[in-house]
Amino acid sequence: MPDPTITDPDKYKVIFENDRVRVLEYQDEPGAKTNPHDHPDSVMYALNAFRRRLTVGGQSRDVSLEHGDVRWLDAHSHTGENIGETPTHVIFVELK
C-alpha cells in the first residue's frame, strides 16, 4: 500500500526526515477518514485527546488516547476514522 503522505496529503505532513527517521504530523477533524496506507515501525505521540476506529486486516477496533500518550506501533497497513468529538493531532516518528 502507499505512503500516507500520498494517500492523505491533507492530513499527513512530513516535518523532518533524514536517513534514519521520518517525522510526520497528522491532523484531522471529527468524522474524517483515511485511505488505506502503510506505516513502518514507529512511535506515536498524542498532542491531544481523541477517539479513533482503526481497521487492520479487516478487523476494526476503537482506541482512545489522552494528551501526552506515547505508543510503539509495529509496521502495519490500516485505515483510520475519527469517531470522537475532538480533532486528532499526533506526531509519528517512523524508523527507516
N, C-alpha and C. Protein backbone atom coordinates (compact mmCIF):
# COMPACT_ATOMS: atom_id res chain seq x y z
N MET A 1 0.84 -1.19 0.00
CA MET A 1 0.00 0.00 0.00
C MET A 1 0.88 1.25 0.00
N PRO A 2 0.28 2.34 -0.37
CA PRO A 2 1.07 3.56 -0.49
C PRO A 2 1.35 4.28 0.83
N ASP A 3 2.18 5.26 0.70
CA ASP A 3 2.61 6.13 1.78
C ASP A 3 1.45 7.04 2.21
N PRO A 4 1.27 7.29 3.51
CA PRO A 4 0.16 8.14 3.96
C PRO A 4 0.24 9.58 3.47
N THR A 5 1.45 10.07 3.19
CA THR A 5 1.55 11.45 2.68
C THR A 5 1.06 11.53 1.24
N ILE A 6 0.94 10.38 0.57
CA ILE A 6 0.39 10.33 -0.79
C ILE A 6 -1.12 10.06 -0.74
N THR A 7 -1.55 9.13 0.13
CA THR A 7 -2.97 8.79 0.20
C THR A 7 -3.80 9.88 0.86
N ASP A 8 -3.22 10.57 1.83
CA ASP A 8 -3.96 11.59 2.58
C ASP A 8 -3.08 12.82 2.84
N PRO A 9 -2.68 13.52 1.77
CA PRO A 9 -1.77 14.67 1.95
C PRO A 9 -2.40 15.83 2.70
N ASP A 10 -3.73 15.84 2.82
CA ASP A 10 -4.40 16.90 3.58
C ASP A 10 -4.31 16.65 5.08
N LYS A 11 -3.88 15.43 5.48
CA LYS A 11 -3.81 15.08 6.90
C LYS A 11 -2.40 14.81 7.40
N TYR A 12 -1.54 14.24 6.54
CA TYR A 12 -0.17 13.89 6.92
C TYR A 12 0.82 14.87 6.31
N LYS A 13 1.75 15.35 7.12
CA LYS A 13 2.78 16.27 6.65
C LYS A 13 4.13 15.83 7.20
N VAL A 14 5.14 15.74 6.33
CA VAL A 14 6.50 15.44 6.78
C VAL A 14 7.06 16.71 7.41
N ILE A 15 7.49 16.60 8.68
CA ILE A 15 8.06 17.77 9.35
C ILE A 15 9.55 17.63 9.59
N PHE A 16 10.09 16.40 9.38
CA PHE A 16 11.53 16.16 9.47
C PHE A 16 11.82 14.83 8.83
N GLU A 17 12.98 14.74 8.17
CA GLU A 17 13.41 13.46 7.60
C GLU A 17 14.91 13.45 7.43
N ASN A 18 15.51 12.30 7.75
CA ASN A 18 16.92 12.07 7.43
C ASN A 18 17.07 10.60 7.04
N ASP A 19 18.29 10.08 7.02
CA ASP A 19 18.48 8.71 6.57
C ASP A 19 18.06 7.67 7.62
N ARG A 20 17.68 8.09 8.83
CA ARG A 20 17.32 7.13 9.89
C ARG A 20 15.86 7.19 10.32
N VAL A 21 15.25 8.38 10.24
CA VAL A 21 13.85 8.54 10.67
C VAL A 21 13.12 9.50 9.74
N ARG A 22 11.79 9.38 9.79
CA ARG A 22 10.92 10.38 9.18
C ARG A 22 9.89 10.74 10.24
N VAL A 23 9.65 12.04 10.42
CA VAL A 23 8.69 12.50 11.41
C VAL A 23 7.50 13.10 10.65
N LEU A 24 6.30 12.56 10.98
CA LEU A 24 5.07 13.03 10.36
C LEU A 24 4.19 13.71 11.40
N GLU A 25 3.52 14.77 10.99
CA GLU A 25 2.45 15.35 11.78
C GLU A 25 1.14 14.95 11.14
N TYR A 26 0.19 14.48 11.95
CA TYR A 26 -1.12 14.09 11.46
C TYR A 26 -2.19 14.92 12.16
N GLN A 27 -3.13 15.47 11.37
CA GLN A 27 -4.24 16.24 11.93
C GLN A 27 -5.50 15.93 11.15
N ASP A 28 -6.62 15.78 11.87
CA ASP A 28 -7.92 15.64 11.21
C ASP A 28 -9.01 16.19 12.12
N GLU A 29 -10.22 16.17 11.62
CA GLU A 29 -11.39 16.65 12.36
C GLU A 29 -12.35 15.48 12.61
N PRO A 30 -13.26 15.60 13.57
CA PRO A 30 -14.23 14.55 13.81
C PRO A 30 -14.95 14.14 12.52
N GLY A 31 -15.09 12.81 12.33
CA GLY A 31 -15.73 12.27 11.14
C GLY A 31 -14.79 11.99 9.99
N ALA A 32 -13.57 12.50 10.04
CA ALA A 32 -12.61 12.31 8.95
C ALA A 32 -12.15 10.85 8.89
N LYS A 33 -11.88 10.37 7.66
CA LYS A 33 -11.38 9.01 7.44
C LYS A 33 -10.13 9.08 6.58
N THR A 34 -9.25 8.09 6.77
CA THR A 34 -8.07 7.99 5.93
C THR A 34 -8.26 6.87 4.91
N ASN A 35 -7.50 6.96 3.84
CA ASN A 35 -7.44 5.91 2.84
C ASN A 35 -6.46 4.84 3.31
N PRO A 36 -6.54 3.62 2.77
CA PRO A 36 -5.59 2.58 3.17
C PRO A 36 -4.15 3.03 2.92
N HIS A 37 -3.28 2.80 3.91
CA HIS A 37 -1.88 3.19 3.79
C HIS A 37 -1.02 2.37 4.75
N ASP A 38 0.29 2.47 4.60
CA ASP A 38 1.27 1.74 5.40
C ASP A 38 1.99 2.66 6.37
N HIS A 39 2.43 2.07 7.48
CA HIS A 39 3.37 2.72 8.39
C HIS A 39 4.48 1.71 8.69
N PRO A 40 5.74 2.15 8.69
CA PRO A 40 6.81 1.28 9.18
C PRO A 40 6.77 1.27 10.72
N ASP A 41 7.67 0.53 11.36
CA ASP A 41 7.78 0.61 12.82
C ASP A 41 7.88 2.08 13.20
N SER A 42 7.13 2.48 14.23
CA SER A 42 7.13 3.90 14.58
C SER A 42 6.70 4.11 16.03
N VAL A 43 6.93 5.33 16.49
CA VAL A 43 6.46 5.79 17.79
C VAL A 43 5.45 6.89 17.50
N MET A 44 4.30 6.85 18.20
CA MET A 44 3.26 7.85 18.04
C MET A 44 3.10 8.62 19.34
N TYR A 45 3.05 9.94 19.24
CA TYR A 45 2.86 10.83 20.39
C TYR A 45 1.58 11.63 20.18
N ALA A 46 0.64 11.53 21.11
CA ALA A 46 -0.64 12.22 21.01
C ALA A 46 -0.52 13.66 21.53
N LEU A 47 -0.83 14.61 20.69
CA LEU A 47 -0.78 16.02 21.07
C LEU A 47 -2.10 16.50 21.66
N ASN A 48 -3.14 15.67 21.60
CA ASN A 48 -4.41 15.96 22.24
C ASN A 48 -5.15 14.64 22.47
N ALA A 49 -6.25 14.69 23.22
CA ALA A 49 -7.07 13.51 23.44
C ALA A 49 -7.99 13.29 22.24
N PHE A 50 -8.19 12.02 21.85
CA PHE A 50 -9.04 11.71 20.71
C PHE A 50 -9.51 10.26 20.75
N ARG A 51 -10.50 9.96 19.92
CA ARG A 51 -11.01 8.58 19.73
C ARG A 51 -10.98 8.27 18.24
N ARG A 52 -10.50 7.04 17.92
CA ARG A 52 -10.40 6.63 16.51
C ARG A 52 -10.82 5.18 16.37
N ARG A 53 -11.29 4.86 15.18
CA ARG A 53 -11.53 3.47 14.80
C ARG A 53 -10.46 3.10 13.78
N LEU A 54 -9.67 2.09 14.11
CA LEU A 54 -8.62 1.60 13.22
C LEU A 54 -9.04 0.27 12.62
N THR A 55 -8.81 0.12 11.33
CA THR A 55 -9.12 -1.14 10.65
C THR A 55 -7.82 -1.68 10.07
N VAL A 56 -7.43 -2.86 10.59
CA VAL A 56 -6.20 -3.53 10.18
C VAL A 56 -6.57 -4.94 9.76
N GLY A 57 -6.28 -5.31 8.50
CA GLY A 57 -6.57 -6.66 8.05
C GLY A 57 -8.03 -7.04 8.17
N GLY A 58 -8.94 -6.11 7.93
CA GLY A 58 -10.36 -6.38 8.01
C GLY A 58 -10.94 -6.38 9.42
N GLN A 59 -10.10 -6.22 10.44
CA GLN A 59 -10.54 -6.18 11.84
C GLN A 59 -10.52 -4.74 12.34
N SER A 60 -11.64 -4.29 12.89
CA SER A 60 -11.73 -2.92 13.42
C SER A 60 -11.66 -2.93 14.93
N ARG A 61 -11.02 -1.88 15.47
CA ARG A 61 -11.02 -1.69 16.92
C ARG A 61 -11.00 -0.21 17.20
N ASP A 62 -11.66 0.17 18.28
CA ASP A 62 -11.73 1.57 18.69
C ASP A 62 -10.65 1.83 19.73
N VAL A 63 -9.99 2.97 19.59
CA VAL A 63 -8.94 3.35 20.53
C VAL A 63 -9.19 4.78 21.03
N SER A 64 -8.82 5.01 22.27
CA SER A 64 -8.89 6.34 22.87
C SER A 64 -7.51 6.66 23.41
N LEU A 65 -7.02 7.84 23.11
CA LEU A 65 -5.74 8.28 23.63
C LEU A 65 -5.92 9.61 24.32
N GLU A 66 -5.08 9.86 25.29
CA GLU A 66 -5.07 11.12 26.03
C GLU A 66 -3.88 11.95 25.59
N HIS A 67 -3.96 13.24 25.82
CA HIS A 67 -2.84 14.13 25.53
C HIS A 67 -1.58 13.60 26.22
N GLY A 68 -0.50 13.48 25.48
CA GLY A 68 0.77 13.04 26.04
C GLY A 68 1.00 11.54 25.98
N ASP A 69 -0.02 10.75 25.58
CA ASP A 69 0.19 9.31 25.44
C ASP A 69 1.20 9.02 24.35
N VAL A 70 2.04 8.03 24.59
CA VAL A 70 3.06 7.61 23.62
C VAL A 70 2.87 6.11 23.40
N ARG A 71 2.88 5.69 22.13
CA ARG A 71 2.68 4.27 21.79
C ARG A 71 3.72 3.82 20.76
N TRP A 72 4.22 2.60 20.96
CA TRP A 72 5.02 1.93 19.94
C TRP A 72 4.05 1.27 18.98
N LEU A 73 4.30 1.39 17.66
CA LEU A 73 3.47 0.77 16.64
C LEU A 73 4.35 -0.09 15.75
N ASP A 74 4.07 -1.39 15.71
CA ASP A 74 4.74 -2.25 14.74
C ASP A 74 4.29 -1.86 13.34
N ALA A 75 5.12 -2.14 12.34
CA ALA A 75 4.76 -1.85 10.96
C ALA A 75 3.41 -2.47 10.64
N HIS A 76 2.56 -1.72 9.93
CA HIS A 76 1.23 -2.22 9.60
C HIS A 76 0.61 -1.40 8.48
N SER A 77 -0.46 -1.96 7.90
CA SER A 77 -1.30 -1.26 6.94
C SER A 77 -2.66 -1.07 7.60
N HIS A 78 -3.28 0.07 7.38
CA HIS A 78 -4.57 0.31 8.03
C HIS A 78 -5.32 1.47 7.40
N THR A 79 -6.57 1.63 7.86
CA THR A 79 -7.34 2.85 7.63
C THR A 79 -7.75 3.35 9.01
N GLY A 80 -8.09 4.63 9.10
CA GLY A 80 -8.50 5.20 10.37
C GLY A 80 -9.68 6.12 10.19
N GLU A 81 -10.45 6.26 11.27
CA GLU A 81 -11.60 7.15 11.26
C GLU A 81 -11.69 7.84 12.61
N ASN A 82 -11.85 9.15 12.59
CA ASN A 82 -12.03 9.92 13.82
C ASN A 82 -13.49 9.76 14.25
N ILE A 83 -13.72 8.98 15.32
CA ILE A 83 -15.07 8.70 15.81
C ILE A 83 -15.41 9.52 17.05
N GLY A 84 -14.53 10.43 17.42
CA GLY A 84 -14.74 11.23 18.62
C GLY A 84 -15.32 12.59 18.32
N GLU A 85 -15.26 13.43 19.32
CA GLU A 85 -15.77 14.80 19.20
C GLU A 85 -14.66 15.84 19.17
N THR A 86 -13.40 15.36 19.11
CA THR A 86 -12.26 16.28 19.07
C THR A 86 -11.40 15.94 17.85
N PRO A 87 -10.62 16.90 17.37
CA PRO A 87 -9.68 16.59 16.29
C PRO A 87 -8.65 15.56 16.77
N THR A 88 -8.02 14.90 15.82
CA THR A 88 -6.86 14.06 16.11
C THR A 88 -5.62 14.87 15.73
N HIS A 89 -4.63 14.91 16.64
CA HIS A 89 -3.38 15.59 16.35
C HIS A 89 -2.25 14.76 16.97
N VAL A 90 -1.44 14.16 16.13
CA VAL A 90 -0.37 13.27 16.60
C VAL A 90 0.91 13.52 15.82
N ILE A 91 2.01 13.07 16.41
CA ILE A 91 3.31 13.04 15.75
C ILE A 91 3.74 11.57 15.65
N PHE A 92 4.15 11.16 14.45
CA PHE A 92 4.72 9.83 14.22
C PHE A 92 6.21 9.97 13.97
N VAL A 93 7.02 9.18 14.66
CA VAL A 93 8.45 9.08 14.38
C VAL A 93 8.63 7.70 13.76
N GLU A 94 8.79 7.67 12.42
CA GLU A 94 8.89 6.41 11.68
C GLU A 94 10.36 6.03 11.52
N LEU A 95 10.66 4.77 11.83
CA LEU A 95 12.02 4.27 11.69
C LEU A 95 12.24 3.79 10.27
N LYS A 96 13.45 4.02 9.77
CA LYS A 96 13.79 3.56 8.41
C LYS A 96 14.62 2.31 8.48
